[in-house]
Amino acid sequence: MIQKFKIIGILLIVILLSSCSKKRAIGEENIIYVLSSEKVFDTYKNELEKLFSDTLFTPMPENRFEISHINIKDFKNKRYFKNLILITDVDSKDPQSEFINRMLPADIPEGIREGKYAYLSKNDLWALKQNVLFLMTSKEDHLSDFLKNRGKDMFNLFKERNLSFIKESLFDKHNNKKAEKYIKSKYGVEIFVPHDFFVVNEGVKTKFIRFRRKAPDRWLTIIWGDYDSSISYQENFIKIRDRAGLEFGDVVNINPEIISFEPDTTFVKNGFKTKGIWEYELGGGPFFGYSFLKGNEMIIIDGAVFRPGQDKYPFIDQLDLMAKSFKLK
């Protein structure tokens, strides 16, 4: 533990010396640049790609993060980017490892060789709103075990912080208060409606209210439907969602071959989160739906994106944060 604090102390000194007035990090949210030697990168490449992919089917697979290798020459221009992983082999003399090792106290390599620690995060190192993860290995290679056992924690360091940045920009004071007041008055629920989202249609045969924002097209829909106990929960979800889809601006339905249901406690103990593909005659895209039962009624909070040939993950994240603001009055 003392050694870990030493590492943090050294990195804090580096931060103070690097700049007194840092600029905001630049670059794409979905690319992680990995500084290491070719040999070290080849050793951990597959593990890192698997760890940070969190694949979304849109319907083509889209990864939350893409891994891109850089060397010490590239780093001069990449050090101000949003997502960085620095991997050092403390027993190697390659330029990348030597650069990273200079940030560490002299007695740290022994602790790495003994497997006491292998990773450390330190954000905003060269720029504001920057995610930085240090991975440390040696000829004994304890890092693989850390990636296997603590990989989810490492992934969440990037995911959760990026989501906090999205939330910060989405949940501002310019929200659509008129739409929020309307849905609370008519439907008895509360939800945060960002300033560029508007009500586009409401159900007649099926009870729902649908919000839309353009560029790209994305929708947040709240659906209510009678639960049929003679069929499964999954079948009820598809039936209720597809029935509402008949009344959308363009008739849409769920692809029953690309869909998953996972237990979820966002709203109730026995809820579910569904992920899949919605379709209509000219295309489709990814959707998610939080669902739960309230008496004999199923409630679905549904987000969907249409952005052919381009990244959709950031907009699914926006809708997901919006969906989680839902509250029954």
C-alpha atoms as a PDB file:
ATOM      1  CA  MET A   1       0.000   0.000   0.000  1.00  0.00           C
ATOM      2  CA  ILE A   2       2.892   2.377   0.859  1.00  0.00           C
ATOM      3  CA  GLN A   3       4.472   1.608  -2.500  1.00  0.00           C
ATOM      4  CA  LYS A   4       1.201   2.379  -4.281  1.00  0.00           C
ATOM      5  CA  PHE A   5       1.090   5.788  -2.599  1.00  0.00           C
ATOM      6  CA  LYS A   6       4.668   6.399  -3.751  1.00  0.00           C
ATOM      7  CA  ILE A   7       3.586   5.809  -7.348  1.00  0.00           C
ATOM      8  CA  ILE A   8       0.690   8.213  -6.956  1.00  0.00           C
ATOM      9  CA  GLY A   9       3.018  10.789  -5.393  1.00  0.00           C
ATOM     10  CA  ILE A  10       5.450  10.617  -8.288  1.00  0.00           C
ATOM     11  CA  LEU A  11       2.639  10.944 -10.816  1.00  0.00           C
ATOM     12  CA  LEU A  12       1.260  13.961  -8.980  1.00  0.00           C
ATOM     13  CA  ILE A  13       4.678  15.626  -9.262  1.00  0.00           C
ATOM     14  CA  VAL A  14       4.679  14.879 -12.993  1.00  0.00           C
ATOM     15  CA  ILE A  15       1.273  16.502 -13.271  1.00  0.00           C
ATOM     16  CA  LEU A  16       2.352  19.637 -11.430  1.00  0.00           C
ATOM     17  CA  LEU A  17       5.480  20.006 -13.535  1.00  0.00           C
ATOM     18  CA  SER A  18       3.766  19.255 -16.840  1.00  0.00           C
ATOM     19  CA  SER A  19       1.431  22.230 -16.915  1.00  0.00           C
ATOM     20  CA  CYS A  20      -0.207  24.777 -14.677  1.00  0.00           C
ATOM     21  CA  SER A  21      -3.055  25.435 -17.094  1.00  0.00           C
ATOM     22  CA  LYS A  22      -3.951  22.284 -18.999  1.00  0.00           C
ATOM     23  CA  LYS A  23      -6.214  22.344 -22.004  1.00  0.00           C
ATOM     24  CA  ARG A  24      -9.076  19.943 -22.466  1.00  0.00           C
ATOM     25  CA  ALA A  25      -8.245  16.524 -23.935  1.00  0.00           C
ATOM     26  CA  ILE A  26      -8.792  16.098 -27.670  1.00  0.00           C
ATOM     27  CA  GLY A  27      -9.661  13.223 -29.999  1.00  0.00           C
ATOM     28  CA  GLU A  28     -12.321  10.544 -30.189  1.00  0.00           C
ATOM     29  CA  GLU A  29     -14.087   9.137 -27.135  1.00  0.00           C
ATOM     30  CA  ASN A  30     -13.994   5.594 -28.503  1.00  0.00           C
ATOM     31  CA  ILE A  31     -10.267   5.183 -29.250  1.00  0.00           C
ATOM     32  CA  ILE A  32      -7.727   4.157 -26.607  1.00  0.00           C
ATOM     33  CA  TYR A  33      -4.118   4.813 -27.606  1.00  0.00           C
ATOM     34  CA  VAL A  34      -1.698   2.288 -26.135  1.00  0.00           C
ATOM     35  CA  LEU A  35       1.918   3.349 -25.639  1.00  0.00           C
ATOM     36  CA  SER A  36       4.241   0.340 -25.481  1.00  0.00           C
ATOM     37  CA  SER A  37       6.838  -1.574 -27.423  1.00  0.00           C
ATOM     38  CA  GLU A  38       5.651  -3.752 -30.297  1.00  0.00           C
ATOM     39  CA  LYS A  39       6.591  -6.855 -28.316  1.00  0.00           C
ATOM     40  CA  VAL A  40       4.614  -5.847 -25.232  1.00  0.00           C
ATOM     41  CA  PHE A  41       1.623  -4.753 -27.308  1.00  0.00           C
ATOM     42  CA  ASP A  42       1.549  -8.050 -29.205  1.00  0.00           C
ATOM     43  CA  THR A  43       1.592  -9.896 -25.864  1.00  0.00           C
ATOM     44  CA  TYR A  44      -1.521  -8.173 -24.489  1.00  0.00           C
ATOM     45  CA  LYS A  45      -3.320  -7.005 -27.654  1.00  0.00           C
ATOM     46  CA  ASN A  46      -5.980  -9.740 -27.687  1.00  0.00           C
ATOM     47  CA  GLU A  47      -6.699  -9.379 -23.972  1.00  0.00           C
ATOM     48  CA  LEU A  48      -7.060  -5.600 -24.248  1.00  0.00           C
ATOM     49  CA  GLU A  49      -9.313  -5.784 -27.314  1.00  0.00           C
ATOM     50  CA  LYS A  50     -11.558  -8.312 -25.602  1.00  0.00           C
ATOM     51  CA  LEU A  51     -11.595  -6.320 -22.371  1.00  0.00           C
ATOM     52  CA  PHE A  52     -12.512  -2.942 -23.887  1.00  0.00           C
ATOM     53  CA  SER A  53     -14.775  -3.993 -26.788  1.00  0.00           C
ATOM     54  CA  ASP A  54     -18.210  -4.299 -25.057  1.00  0.00           C
ATOM     55  CA  THR A  55     -19.627  -4.928 -28.537  1.00  0.00           C
ATOM     56  CA  LEU A  56     -22.910  -3.348 -29.623  1.00  0.00           C
ATOM     57  CA  PHE A  57     -24.717  -4.833 -32.642  1.00  0.00           C
ATOM     58  CA  THR A  58     -26.040  -1.999 -34.778  1.00  0.00           C
ATOM     59  CA  PRO A  59     -26.641  -4.467 -36.689  1.00  0.00           C
ATOM     60  CA  MET A  60     -22.947  -4.513 -37.634  1.00  0.00           C
ATOM     61  CA  PRO A  61     -20.738  -5.003 -34.555  1.00  0.00           C
ATOM     62  CA  GLU A  62     -19.518  -1.722 -33.036  1.00  0.00           C
ATOM     63  CA  ASN A  63     -17.044  -1.702 -30.145  1.00  0.00           C
ATOM     64  CA  ARG A  64     -17.289   0.747 -27.286  1.00  0.00           C
ATOM     65  CA  PHE A  65     -13.514   1.246 -27.486  1.00  0.00           C
ATOM     66  CA  GLU A  66     -11.021   0.535 -30.259  1.00  0.00           C
ATOM     67  CA  ILE A  67      -7.392  -0.150 -29.308  1.00  0.00           C
ATOM     68  CA  SER A  68      -4.670   1.665 -31.298  1.00  0.00           C
ATOM     69  CA  HIS A  69      -0.959   1.076 -30.689  1.00  0.00           C
ATOM     70  CA  ILE A  70       1.531   3.976 -30.641  1.00  0.00           C
ATOM     71  CA  ASN A  71       5.281   4.205 -30.014  1.00  0.00           C
ATOM     72  CA  ILE A  72       7.323   6.860 -28.250  1.00  0.00           C
ATOM     73  CA  LYS A  73       7.566   8.997 -31.401  1.00  0.00           C
ATOM     74  CA  ASP A  74       3.783   9.011 -31.797  1.00  0.00           C
ATOM     75  CA  PHE A  75       3.265   9.861 -28.148  1.00  0.00           C
ATOM     76  CA  LYS A  76       4.443  13.457 -28.516  1.00  0.00           C
ATOM     77  CA  ASN A  77       1.253  14.221 -30.448  1.00  0.00           C
ATOM     78  CA  LYS A  78      -1.033  11.679 -28.790  1.00  0.00           C
ATOM     79  CA  ARG A  79      -0.378  12.527 -25.128  1.00  0.00           C
ATOM     80  CA  TYR A  80      -3.179  15.107 -25.147  1.00  0.00           C
ATOM     81  CA  PHE A  81      -5.794  12.648 -26.377  1.00  0.00           C
ATOM     82  CA  LYS A  82      -8.765  11.489 -24.274  1.00  0.00           C
ATOM     83  CA  ASN A  83      -7.916   7.834 -23.619  1.00  0.00           C
ATOM     84  CA  LEU A  84      -4.404   6.520 -22.968  1.00  0.00           C
ATOM     85  CA  ILE A  85      -2.931   3.254 -21.723  1.00  0.00           C
ATOM     86  CA  LEU A  86       0.792   3.173 -20.959  1.00  0.00           C
ATOM     87  CA  ILE A  87       2.318  -0.302 -20.661  1.00  0.00           C
ATOM     88  CA  THR A  88       5.808  -0.783 -19.274  1.00  0.00           C
ATOM     89  CA  ASP A  89       7.935  -3.889 -18.944  1.00  0.00           C
ATOM     90  CA  VAL A  90      10.193  -2.984 -16.037  1.00  0.00           C
ATOM     91  CA  ASP A  91      12.746  -5.569 -17.186  1.00  0.00           C
ATOM     92  CA  SER A  92      12.975  -4.132 -20.701  1.00  0.00           C
ATOM     93  CA  LYS A  93      15.149  -1.366 -22.126  1.00  0.00           C
ATOM     94  CA  ASP A  94      12.828  -0.421 -24.976  1.00  0.00           C
ATOM     95  CA  PRO A  95      12.233   3.363 -25.341  1.00  0.00           C
ATOM     96  CA  GLN A  96       8.569   3.159 -24.337  1.00  0.00           C
ATOM     97  CA  SER A  97       9.249   1.242 -21.108  1.00  0.00           C
ATOM     98  CA  GLU A  98      12.185   3.481 -20.184  1.00  0.00           C
ATOM     99  CA  PHE A  99      10.011   6.577 -20.650  1.00  0.00           C
ATOM    100  CA  ILE A 100       7.263   5.166 -18.418  1.00  0.00           C
ATOM    101  CA  ASN A 101       9.727   3.780 -15.851  1.00  0.00           C
ATOM    102  CA  ARG A 102      11.123   7.256 -15.271  1.00  0.00           C
ATOM    103  CA  MET A 103       7.760   8.180 -13.739  1.00  0.00           C
ATOM    104  CA  LEU A 104       8.072   5.383 -11.160  1.00  0.00           C
ATOM    105  CA  PRO A 105      10.166   5.233  -7.951  1.00  0.00           C
ATOM    106  CA  ALA A 106      13.316   3.086  -8.171  1.00  0.00           C
ATOM    107  CA  ASP A 107      11.981   0.413  -5.814  1.00  0.00           C
ATOM    108  CA  ILE A 108       8.721  -0.150  -7.701  1.00  0.00           C
ATOM    109  CA  PRO A 109       9.974  -2.770 -10.211  1.00  0.00           C
ATOM    110  CA  GLU A 110      10.524  -5.308  -7.439  1.00  0.00           C
ATOM    111  CA  GLY A 111       6.914  -5.031  -6.318  1.00  0.00           C
ATOM    112  CA  ILE A 112       5.784  -5.527  -9.904  1.00  0.00           C
ATOM    113  CA  ARG A 113       7.941  -8.653 -10.241  1.00  0.00           C
ATOM    114  CA  GLU A 114       6.432 -10.011  -7.020  1.00  0.00           C
ATOM    115  CA  GLY A 115       2.891  -9.459  -8.324  1.00  0.00           C
ATOM    116  CA  LYS A 116       1.914  -6.940  -5.643  1.00  0.00           C
ATOM    117  CA  TYR A 117       0.430  -4.572  -8.215  1.00  0.00           C
ATOM    118  CA  ALA A 118       0.235  -4.228 -11.983  1.00  0.00           C
ATOM    119  CA  TYR A 119      -2.011  -1.275 -12.779  1.00  0.00           C
ATOM    120  CA  LEU A 120      -2.741   2.269 -11.705  1.00  0.00           C
ATOM    121  CA  SER A 121      -5.035   4.982 -13.041  1.00  0.00           C
ATOM    122  CA  LYS A 122      -4.230   8.683 -12.966  1.00  0.00           C
ATOM    123  CA  ASN A 123      -6.582  10.939 -14.863  1.00  0.00           C
ATOM    124  CA  ASP A 124      -5.899  14.380 -16.360  1.00  0.00           C
ATOM    125  CA  LEU A 125      -2.179  13.719 -16.560  1.00  0.00           C
ATOM    126  CA  TRP A 126      -1.436  15.733 -19.702  1.00  0.00           C
ATOM    127  CA  ALA A 127      -4.873  17.241 -20.374  1.00  0.00           C
ATOM    128  CA  LEU A 128      -8.190  17.856 -18.638  1.00  0.00           C
ATOM    129  CA  LYS A 129     -10.880  15.177 -18.902  1.00  0.00           C
ATOM    130  CA  GLN A 130      -8.277  12.612 -19.887  1.00  0.00           C
ATOM    131  CA  ASN A 131      -8.341   8.931 -18.882  1.00  0.00           C
ATOM    132  CA  VAL A 132      -4.894   7.423 -18.243  1.00  0.00           C
ATOM    133  CA  LEU A 133      -4.198   3.837 -17.201  1.00  0.00           C
ATOM    134  CA  PHE A 134      -0.720   2.516 -16.373  1.00  0.00           C
ATOM    135  CA  LEU A 135      -0.176  -1.223 -16.862  1.00  0.00           C
ATOM    136  CA  MET A 136       3.061  -2.674 -15.462  1.00  0.00           C
ATOM    137  CA  THR A 137       4.586  -6.031 -16.267  1.00  0.00           C
ATOM    138  CA  SER A 138       7.908  -7.853 -15.935  1.00  0.00           C
ATOM    139  CA  LYS A 139       9.511 -11.063 -17.135  1.00  0.00           C
ATOM    140  CA  GLU A 140       7.407 -12.891 -14.500  1.00  0.00           C
ATOM    141  CA  ASP A 141       4.219 -11.509 -16.140  1.00  0.00           C
ATOM    142  CA  HIS A 142       1.668 -11.037 -13.364  1.00  0.00           C
ATOM    143  CA  LEU A 143      -0.184  -8.530 -15.557  1.00  0.00           C
ATOM    144  CA  SER A 144      -2.152 -11.230 -17.368  1.00  0.00           C
ATOM    145  CA  ASP A 145      -3.694 -12.349 -14.065  1.00  0.00           C
ATOM    146  CA  PHE A 146      -4.600  -8.752 -13.209  1.00  0.00           C
ATOM    147  CA  LEU A 147      -6.256  -8.281 -16.610  1.00  0.00           C
ATOM    148  CA  LYS A 148      -8.253 -11.447 -16.043  1.00  0.00           C
ATOM    149  CA  ASN A 149      -9.288 -10.733 -12.447  1.00  0.00           C
ATOM    150  CA  ARG A 150      -9.472  -6.931 -12.395  1.00  0.00           C
ATOM    151  CA  GLY A 151     -10.169  -6.232 -16.049  1.00  0.00           C
ATOM    152  CA  LYS A 152     -13.757  -5.139 -15.423  1.00  0.00           C
ATOM    153  CA  ASP A 153     -12.504  -2.484 -13.003  1.00  0.00           C
ATOM    154  CA  MET A 154     -10.060  -1.218 -15.625  1.00  0.00           C
ATOM    155  CA  PHE A 155     -12.787  -1.099 -18.277  1.00  0.00           C
ATOM    156  CA  ASN A 156     -15.101   0.813 -15.943  1.00  0.00           C
ATOM    157  CA  LEU A 157     -12.411   3.434 -15.300  1.00  0.00           C
ATOM    158  CA  PHE A 158     -12.833   4.492 -18.923  1.00  0.00           C
ATOM    159  CA  LYS A 159     -16.526   3.754 -19.411  1.00  0.00           C
ATOM    160  CA  GLU A 160     -17.872   5.426 -16.270  1.00  0.00           C
ATOM    161  CA  ARG A 161     -15.765   8.552 -16.628  1.00  0.00           C
ATOM    162  CA  ASN A 162     -16.753   8.977 -20.274  1.00  0.00           C
ATOM    163  CA  LEU A 163     -20.409   8.541 -19.304  1.00  0.00           C
ATOM    164  CA  SER A 164     -19.974  11.244 -16.659  1.00  0.00           C
ATOM    165  CA  PHE A 165     -18.770  13.630 -19.381  1.00  0.00           C
ATOM    166  CA  ILE A 166     -21.807  12.796 -21.547  1.00  0.00           C
ATOM    167  CA  LYS A 167     -24.120  13.293 -18.571  1.00  0.00           C
ATOM    168  CA  GLU A 168     -22.491  16.620 -17.782  1.00  0.00           C
ATOM    169  CA  SER A 169     -23.224  17.938 -21.291  1.00  0.00           C
ATOM    170  CA  LEU A 170     -26.672  16.319 -21.569  1.00  0.00           C
ATOM    171  CA  PHE A 171     -28.182  17.248 -18.205  1.00  0.00           C
ATOM    172  CA  ASP A 172     -27.945  21.021 -18.396  1.00  0.00           C
ATOM    173  CA  LYS A 173     -30.303  23.764 -17.250  1.00  0.00           C
ATOM    174  CA  HIS A 174     -31.796  24.179 -20.733  1.00  0.00           C
ATOM    175  CA  ASN A 175     -33.932  21.038 -20.532  1.00  0.00           C
ATOM    176  CA  ASN A 176     -37.346  20.900 -22.187  1.00  0.00           C
ATOM    177  CA  LYS A 177     -39.404  21.814 -19.129  1.00  0.00           C
ATOM    178  CA  LYS A 178     -42.618  22.038 -21.135  1.00  0.00           C
ATOM    179  CA  ALA A 179     -42.313  18.398 -22.260  1.00  0.00           C
ATOM    180  CA  GLU A 180     -41.408  17.300 -18.730  1.00  0.00           C
ATOM    181  CA  LYS A 181     -44.477  19.048 -17.306  1.00  0.00           C
ATOM    182  CA  TYR A 182     -46.689  17.521 -20.005  1.00  0.00           C
ATOM    183  CA  ILE A 183     -45.629  13.912 -19.430  1.00  0.00           C
ATOM    184  CA  LYS A 184     -45.942  14.297 -15.667  1.00  0.00           C
ATOM    185  CA  SER A 185     -49.444  15.744 -15.959  1.00  0.00           C
ATOM    186  CA  LYS A 186     -50.814  13.295 -18.565  1.00  0.00           C
ATOM    187  CA  TYR A 187     -48.943  10.056 -17.800  1.00  0.00           C
ATOM    188  CA  GLY A 188     -48.003  10.420 -14.134  1.00  0.00           C
ATOM    189  CA  VAL A 189     -44.273   9.868 -14.660  1.00  0.00           C
ATOM    190  CA  GLU A 190     -41.166  12.025 -14.558  1.00  0.00           C
ATOM    191  CA  ILE A 191     -38.217  12.006 -16.926  1.00  0.00           C
ATOM    192  CA  PHE A 192     -35.457  14.465 -17.799  1.00  0.00           C
ATOM    193  CA  VAL A 193     -35.954  15.771 -21.354  1.00  0.00           C
ATOM    194  CA  PRO A 194     -32.827  17.443 -22.830  1.00  0.00           C
ATOM    195  CA  HIS A 195     -33.327  20.706 -24.703  1.00  0.00           C
ATOM    196  CA  ASP A 196     -33.254  19.259 -28.241  1.00  0.00           C
ATOM    197  CA  PHE A 197     -35.737  16.427 -27.569  1.00  0.00           C
ATOM    198  CA  PHE A 198     -39.408  16.948 -28.391  1.00  0.00           C
ATOM    199  CA  VAL A 199     -42.603  14.885 -28.284  1.00  0.00           C
ATOM    200  CA  VAL A 200     -43.185  13.514 -31.798  1.00  0.00           C
ATOM    201  CA  ASN A 201     -46.132  11.157 -31.314  1.00  0.00           C
ATOM    202  CA  GLU A 202     -48.336   9.395 -28.809  1.00  0.00           C
ATOM    203  CA  GLY A 203     -50.171   6.112 -29.070  1.00  0.00           C
ATOM    204  CA  VAL A 204     -53.847   5.643 -29.805  1.00  0.00           C
ATOM    205  CA  LYS A 205     -54.293   1.866 -29.672  1.00  0.00           C
ATOM    206  CA  THR A 206     -51.188   1.392 -27.507  1.00  0.00           C
ATOM    207  CA  LYS A 207     -50.330   3.750 -24.677  1.00  0.00           C
ATOM    208  CA  PHE A 208     -46.963   5.373 -25.340  1.00  0.00           C
ATOM    209  CA  ILE A 209     -45.192   8.724 -25.663  1.00  0.00           C
ATOM    210  CA  ARG A 210     -42.218   9.158 -27.976  1.00  0.00           C
ATOM    211  CA  PHE A 211     -39.461  11.804 -27.885  1.00  0.00           C
ATOM    212  CA  ARG A 212     -37.142  12.510 -30.802  1.00  0.00           C
ATOM    213  CA  ARG A 213     -33.924  14.365 -31.483  1.00  0.00           C
ATOM    214  CA  LYS A 214     -32.393  14.731 -34.953  1.00  0.00           C
ATOM    215  CA  ALA A 215     -28.829  14.728 -36.356  1.00  0.00           C
ATOM    216  CA  PRO A 216     -28.684  11.813 -35.902  1.00  0.00           C
ATOM    217  CA  ASP A 217     -32.202  10.507 -35.418  1.00  0.00           C
ATOM    218  CA  ARG A 218     -32.717   9.049 -31.948  1.00  0.00           C
ATOM    219  CA  TRP A 219     -35.852   8.311 -29.961  1.00  0.00           C
ATOM    220  CA  LEU A 220     -36.768   7.749 -26.335  1.00  0.00           C
ATOM    221  CA  THR A 221     -40.149   6.012 -25.972  1.00  0.00           C
ATOM    222  CA  ILE A 222     -42.113   5.079 -22.859  1.00  0.00           C
ATOM    223  CA  ILE A 223     -44.621   2.273 -23.487  1.00  0.00           C
ATOM    224  CA  TRP A 224     -47.326   0.775 -21.316  1.00  0.00           C
ATOM    225  CA  GLY A 225     -48.953  -2.551 -22.171  1.00  0.00           C
ATOM    226  CA  ASP A 226     -51.174  -5.221 -20.584  1.00  0.00           C
ATOM    227  CA  TYR A 227     -49.150  -8.237 -19.457  1.00  0.00           C
ATOM    228  CA  ASP A 228     -50.325 -11.590 -20.847  1.00  0.00           C
ATOM    229  CA  SER A 229     -49.486 -14.309 -18.311  1.00  0.00           C
ATOM    230  CA  SER A 230     -50.121 -17.057 -20.894  1.00  0.00           C
ATOM    231  CA  ILE A 231     -46.845 -16.196 -22.696  1.00  0.00           C
ATOM    232  CA  SER A 232     -43.311 -15.541 -21.500  1.00  0.00           C
ATOM    233  CA  TYR A 233     -41.929 -12.231 -20.262  1.00  0.00           C
ATOM    234  CA  GLN A 234     -39.746 -12.002 -23.388  1.00  0.00           C
ATOM    235  CA  GLU A 235     -42.722 -12.625 -25.686  1.00  0.00           C
ATOM    236  CA  ASN A 236     -44.706  -9.948 -23.856  1.00  0.00           C
ATOM    237  CA  PHE A 237     -41.897  -7.439 -24.352  1.00  0.00           C
ATOM    238  CA  ILE A 238     -41.658  -8.098 -28.100  1.00  0.00           C
ATOM    239  CA  LYS A 239     -45.443  -8.081 -28.534  1.00  0.00           C
ATOM    240  CA  ILE A 240     -45.939  -4.787 -26.651  1.00  0.00           C
ATOM    241  CA  ARG A 241     -42.965  -3.082 -28.315  1.00  0.00           C
ATOM    242  CA  ASP A 242     -44.014  -4.209 -31.814  1.00  0.00           C
ATOM    243  CA  ARG A 243     -47.614  -3.126 -31.211  1.00  0.00           C
ATOM    244  CA  ALA A 244     -46.406   0.360 -30.328  1.00  0.00           C
ATOM    245  CA  GLY A 245     -44.124   0.275 -33.403  1.00  0.00           C
ATOM    246  CA  LEU A 246     -47.183   0.035 -35.640  1.00  0.00           C
ATOM    247  CA  GLU A 247     -48.056   3.596 -34.626  1.00  0.00           C
ATOM    248  CA  PHE A 248     -44.606   5.146 -35.000  1.00  0.00           C
ATOM    249  CA  GLY A 249     -43.963   7.609 -37.862  1.00  0.00           C
ATOM    250  CA  ASP A 250     -42.514   4.665 -39.808  1.00  0.00           C
ATOM    251  CA  VAL A 251     -43.811   1.226 -38.841  1.00  0.00           C
ATOM    252  CA  VAL A 252     -41.020  -0.639 -37.031  1.00  0.00           C
ATOM    253  CA  ASN A 253     -40.574  -4.006 -35.378  1.00  0.00           C
ATOM    254  CA  ILE A 254     -37.946  -5.936 -33.415  1.00  0.00           C
ATOM    255  CA  ASN A 255     -35.682  -8.475 -35.083  1.00  0.00           C
ATOM    256  CA  PRO A 256     -36.444 -11.571 -32.949  1.00  0.00           C
ATOM    257  CA  GLU A 257     -33.171 -13.225 -34.028  1.00  0.00           C
ATOM    258  CA  ILE A 258     -30.887 -10.516 -32.568  1.00  0.00           C
ATOM    259  CA  ILE A 259     -32.101  -9.827 -29.044  1.00  0.00           C
ATOM    260  CA  SER A 260     -30.950 -10.378 -25.473  1.00  0.00           C
ATOM    261  CA  PHE A 261     -32.609 -10.078 -22.062  1.00  0.00           C
ATOM    262  CA  GLU A 262     -30.578  -9.532 -18.892  1.00  0.00           C
ATOM    263  CA  PRO A 263     -31.823  -9.086 -15.306  1.00  0.00           C
ATOM    264  CA  ASP A 264     -31.654  -5.425 -14.301  1.00  0.00           C
ATOM    265  CA  THR A 265     -32.369  -3.571 -11.059  1.00  0.00           C
ATOM    266  CA  THR A 266     -32.325   0.020 -12.345  1.00  0.00           C
ATOM    267  CA  PHE A 267     -36.008   0.542 -11.536  1.00  0.00           C
ATOM    268  CA  VAL A 268     -37.187  -2.560  -9.661  1.00  0.00           C
ATOM    269  CA  LYS A 269     -35.618  -5.677  -8.185  1.00  0.00           C
ATOM    270  CA  ASN A 270     -36.946  -8.013 -10.901  1.00  0.00           C
ATOM    271  CA  GLY A 271     -36.581  -5.831 -13.979  1.00  0.00           C
ATOM    272  CA  PHE A 272     -34.840  -6.571 -17.281  1.00  0.00           C
ATOM    273  CA  LYS A 273     -32.718  -4.735 -19.814  1.00  0.00           C
ATOM    274  CA  THR A 274     -33.216  -5.784 -23.418  1.00  0.00           C
ATOM    275  CA  LYS A 275     -30.807  -5.080 -26.282  1.00  0.00           C
ATOM    276  CA  GLY A 276     -31.426  -5.731 -29.936  1.00  0.00           C
ATOM    277  CA  ILE A 277     -32.134  -4.413 -33.413  1.00  0.00           C
ATOM    278  CA  TRP A 278     -35.228  -2.514 -34.575  1.00  0.00           C
ATOM    279  CA  GLU A 279     -36.113  -2.637 -38.257  1.00  0.00           C
ATOM    280  CA  TYR A 280     -38.306  -0.960 -40.871  1.00  0.00           C
ATOM    281  CA  GLU A 281     -38.518  -1.237 -44.648  1.00  0.00           C
ATOM    282  CA  LEU A 282     -35.499   1.015 -45.340  1.00  0.00           C
ATOM    283  CA  GLY A 283     -33.141  -0.071 -42.576  1.00  0.00           C
ATOM    284  CA  GLY A 284     -32.864  -0.176 -38.821  1.00  0.00           C
ATOM    285  CA  GLY A 285     -30.501   0.221 -35.907  1.00  0.00           C
ATOM    286  CA  PRO A 286     -29.781  -0.630 -32.270  1.00  0.00           C
ATOM    287  CA  PHE A 287     -32.255  -0.280 -29.429  1.00  0.00           C
ATOM    288  CA  PHE A 288     -32.417  -1.014 -25.725  1.00  0.00           C
ATOM    289  CA  GLY A 289     -35.385  -1.293 -23.396  1.00  0.00           C
ATOM    290  CA  TYR A 290     -35.642  -1.242 -19.620  1.00  0.00           C
ATOM    291  CA  SER A 291     -38.781  -3.107 -18.599  1.00  0.00           C
ATOM    292  CA  PHE A 292     -40.605  -4.096 -15.444  1.00  0.00           C
ATOM    293  CA  LEU A 293     -44.074  -5.017 -14.217  1.00  0.00           C
ATOM    294  CA  LYS A 294     -46.369  -2.742 -12.244  1.00  0.00           C
ATOM    295  CA  GLY A 295     -49.399  -4.779 -11.345  1.00  0.00           C
ATOM    296  CA  ASN A 296     -50.721  -6.338 -14.570  1.00  0.00           C
ATOM    297  CA  GLU A 297     -48.969  -3.784 -16.733  1.00  0.00           C
ATOM    298  CA  MET A 298     -45.526  -3.878 -18.362  1.00  0.00           C
ATOM    299  CA  ILE A 299     -43.674  -0.573 -18.591  1.00  0.00           C
ATOM    300  CA  ILE A 300     -40.881  -0.196 -21.172  1.00  0.00           C
ATOM    301  CA  ILE A 301     -38.408   2.710 -21.364  1.00  0.00           C
ATOM    302  CA  ASP A 302     -36.961   2.320 -24.831  1.00  0.00           C
ATOM    303  CA  GLY A 303     -34.086   4.037 -26.669  1.00  0.00           C
ATOM    304  CA  ALA A 304     -33.310   3.679 -30.395  1.00  0.00           C
ATOM    305  CA  VAL A 305     -30.837   5.214 -32.858  1.00  0.00           C
ATOM    306  CA  PHE A 306     -30.746   5.503 -36.665  1.00  0.00           C
ATOM    307  CA  ARG A 307     -27.334   6.444 -38.072  1.00  0.00           C
ATOM    308  CA  PRO A 308     -26.401   4.194 -41.012  1.00  0.00           C
ATOM    309  CA  GLY A 309     -22.700   3.537 -41.474  1.00  0.00           C
ATOM    310  CA  GLN A 310     -21.581   5.695 -38.536  1.00  0.00           C
ATOM    311  CA  ASP A 311     -20.884   5.256 -34.815  1.00  0.00           C
ATOM    312  CA  LYS A 312     -24.012   4.876 -32.719  1.00  0.00           C
ATOM    313  CA  TYR A 313     -22.594   4.048 -29.287  1.00  0.00           C
ATOM    314  CA  PRO A 314     -22.371   7.679 -28.012  1.00  0.00           C
ATOM    315  CA  PHE A 315     -26.052   8.252 -28.813  1.00  0.00           C
ATOM    316  CA  ILE A 316     -27.160   4.984 -27.232  1.00  0.00           C
ATOM    317  CA  ASP A 317     -25.271   6.160 -24.123  1.00  0.00           C
ATOM    318  CA  GLN A 318     -27.129   9.500 -24.205  1.00  0.00           C
ATOM    319  CA  LEU A 319     -30.491   7.751 -24.412  1.00  0.00           C
ATOM    320  CA  ASP A 320     -29.522   5.314 -21.674  1.00  0.00           C
ATOM    321  CA  LEU A 321     -28.721   8.157 -19.279  1.00  0.00           C
ATOM    322  CA  MET A 322     -31.992   9.843 -20.208  1.00  0.00           C
ATOM    323  CA  ALA A 323     -33.915   6.588 -19.648  1.00  0.00           C
ATOM    324  CA  LYS A 324     -32.423   6.165 -16.182  1.00  0.00           C
ATOM    325  CA  SER A 325     -33.922   9.504 -15.114  1.00  0.00           C
ATOM    326  CA  PHE A 326     -37.417   7.941 -15.411  1.00  0.00           C
ATOM    327  CA  LYS A 327     -39.495   7.998 -12.214  1.00  0.00           C
ATOM    328  CA  LEU A 328     -43.038   6.964 -11.408  1.00  0.00           C
ATOM    329  CA  LYS A 329     -44.919   9.842  -9.771  1.00  0.00           C
END
